[in-house]
Protein backbone atom coordinates (compact mmCIF):
# COMPACT_ATOMS: atom_id res chain seq x y z
CA ILE A 1 150.80 58.94 160.66
CA LEU A 2 150.03 55.48 159.31
CA LEU A 3 152.76 52.86 158.82
CA ASP A 4 152.77 49.89 156.48
CA LYS A 5 153.89 46.36 157.52
CA ASP A 6 157.59 47.26 157.07
CA GLY A 7 157.31 50.29 159.33
CA LYS A 8 157.46 52.78 156.44
CA ARG A 9 155.10 55.74 156.24
CA LYS A 10 151.94 54.82 154.40
CA HIS A 11 150.65 57.35 151.87
CA THR A 12 147.21 58.64 152.73
CA ARG A 13 144.87 60.19 150.26
CA PRO A 14 144.15 63.85 150.96
CA THR A 15 140.54 64.85 151.45
CA PHE A 16 139.59 68.27 150.21
CA SER A 17 136.89 70.45 151.69
CA GLY A 18 133.84 71.48 149.72
CA GLN A 19 135.21 75.03 149.54
CA GLN A 20 138.52 73.79 148.09
CA ILE A 21 136.78 71.62 145.49
CA PHE A 22 134.44 74.46 144.56
CA ALA A 23 137.39 76.83 144.01
CA LEU A 24 139.29 74.18 142.03
CA GLU A 25 136.25 73.49 139.82
CA LYS A 26 135.64 77.20 139.22
CA THR A 27 139.28 77.65 138.21
CA PHE A 28 139.08 74.55 135.98
CA GLU A 29 136.07 76.01 134.15
CA GLN A 30 138.16 79.06 133.27
CA THR A 31 141.36 77.24 132.35
CA LYS A 32 142.25 73.59 131.98
CA TYR A 33 145.96 74.16 132.63
CA LEU A 34 147.66 76.22 135.35
CA ALA A 35 151.13 77.74 134.94
CA GLY A 36 153.53 77.57 137.90
CA PRO A 37 152.77 80.96 139.46
CA GLU A 38 149.00 80.48 139.07
CA ARG A 39 149.23 77.03 140.64
CA ALA A 40 151.30 78.40 143.55
CA ARG A 41 148.85 81.23 144.13
CA LEU A 42 145.83 78.90 144.06
CA ALA A 43 147.53 76.35 146.33
CA TYR A 44 148.44 79.04 148.87
CA SER A 45 144.93 80.57 148.85
CA LEU A 46 143.33 77.14 149.42
CA GLY A 47 145.84 75.87 151.98
CA MET A 48 147.03 73.08 149.70
CA THR A 49 150.43 72.10 148.32
CA GLU A 50 151.31 72.87 144.72
CA SER A 51 151.65 69.15 144.16
CA GLN A 52 148.08 68.55 145.34
CA VAL A 53 146.76 71.24 142.99
CA LYS A 54 148.83 69.87 140.11
CA VAL A 55 147.57 66.31 140.61
CA TRP A 56 143.98 67.47 141.10
CA PHE A 57 144.13 69.30 137.73
CA GLN A 58 145.67 66.26 136.03
CA ASN A 59 142.93 64.02 137.35
CA ARG A 60 140.23 66.54 136.50
CA ARG A 61 141.49 66.88 132.90
CA THR A 62 141.37 63.09 132.53
CA LYS A 63 137.78 63.03 133.78
CA TRP A 64 136.89 65.93 131.46
CA ARG A 65 138.43 64.21 128.41
CA LYS A 66 136.53 60.98 129.07
CA LYS A 67 133.25 62.84 129.41
CA HIS A 68 133.99 64.95 126.34
CA ALA A 69 134.89 61.84 124.30
CA ALA A 70 131.67 60.10 125.37
CA GLU A 71 129.60 63.16 124.42
CA MET A 72 131.34 63.34 121.05
CA ALA A 73 130.69 59.63 120.42
CA THR A 74 127.01 60.06 121.30
CA ALA A 75 126.72 63.09 119.03
CA LYS A 76 128.43 61.20 116.19
CA LYS A 77 126.07 58.22 116.56
CA LYS A 78 123.09 60.55 116.53
CA GLN A 79 124.41 62.35 113.45
CA ASP A 80 125.18 59.05 111.67
CA SER A 81 121.69 57.68 112.35
CA GLU A 82 120.11 60.93 111.15
CA THR A 83 122.27 60.80 108.00
CA GLU A 84 121.21 57.18 107.41
CA ARG A 85 117.55 58.10 107.97
CA LEU A 86 117.78 60.97 105.49
CA LYS A 87 119.68 58.82 103.03
CA GLY A 88 117.01 56.13 103.28
CA ALA A 89 114.28 58.72 102.84
CA SER A 90 115.91 60.12 99.71
CA GLU A 91 116.35 56.61 98.27
CA ASN A 92 112.67 55.92 98.90
CA GLU A 93 111.74 59.20 97.25
CA GLU A 94 113.69 58.17 94.15
CA GLU A 95 111.87 54.82 94.10
CA ASP A 96 108.55 56.58 94.60
CA ASP A 97 108.94 58.96 91.66
CA ASP A 98 106.37 57.01 89.64
CA TYR A 99 104.07 56.72 92.64
CA ASN A 100 104.19 60.44 93.41
CA LYS A 101 103.54 61.61 89.86
CA PRO A 102 99.95 62.38 88.91
CA LEU A 103 98.37 59.45 87.14
CA ASP A 104 97.69 59.69 83.47
CA PRO A 105 93.96 59.14 83.06
CA ASN A 106 94.79 57.01 80.06
CA SER A 107 97.10 54.69 82.05
CA ASP A 108 96.27 51.07 81.77
CA ASP A 109 94.90 49.29 84.83
CA GLU A 110 97.91 46.97 85.00
CA LYS A 111 100.36 49.84 85.54
CA ILE A 112 98.17 51.33 88.27
CA THR A 113 97.78 47.93 89.97
CA GLN A 114 101.57 47.40 89.93
CA LEU A 115 102.15 50.80 91.53
CA LEU A 116 99.60 50.03 94.24
CA LYS A 117 101.09 46.60 94.92
CA LYS A 118 104.55 48.13 95.22
CA HIS A 119 103.46 50.72 97.79
CA LYS A 120 100.68 49.11 99.78
CA PRO A 121 101.24 46.40 102.41
CA GLY A 122 99.68 43.13 101.35
CA GLY A 123 99.87 43.88 97.65
CA GLY A 124 97.24 46.57 97.41
CA GLY A 125 94.22 44.49 96.68
CA LEU A 126 92.48 47.34 94.85
CA LEU A 127 91.01 46.44 91.51
CA LEU A 128 89.83 49.21 89.26
CA HIS A 129 87.89 46.87 87.03
CA PRO A 130 87.03 43.28 87.90
CA PRO A 131 88.77 40.66 85.76
CA GLU A 132 86.75 39.63 82.77
CA GLY A 133 84.12 37.07 83.50
CA GLU A 134 83.69 38.13 87.17
CA ALA A 135 80.87 40.27 88.40
CA SER A 136 81.64 43.14 90.76
CA THR A 137 80.05 42.95 94.19
């Protein structure tokens, strides 16, 4: 028994065996809360006090909630980014309606050049016909 500086009994943290932890974890997987009789039965079968089982379950639920909340936050971020990506893609599709339509063979060169400039990095640079007065090379 350990004593503090005033001579009072010092609380020591219980250490549980691997078998006890395994049984507690298995039970926790099945149910997150234990009623009184179930807690008493489990405590007796593991050689623990009811209070130890109760506190272990409280601590384990807290750990489970934190992990669950973190997983939910990660899933939400992933879903939000996917939603934004899809939203951006649909906005681009709306902008690209003219670009994706088949070209009218009678379209003027200026309209075609504007479409190419809009959708090609560096402004397109493709000329269908050289400007008047310049020879094509």
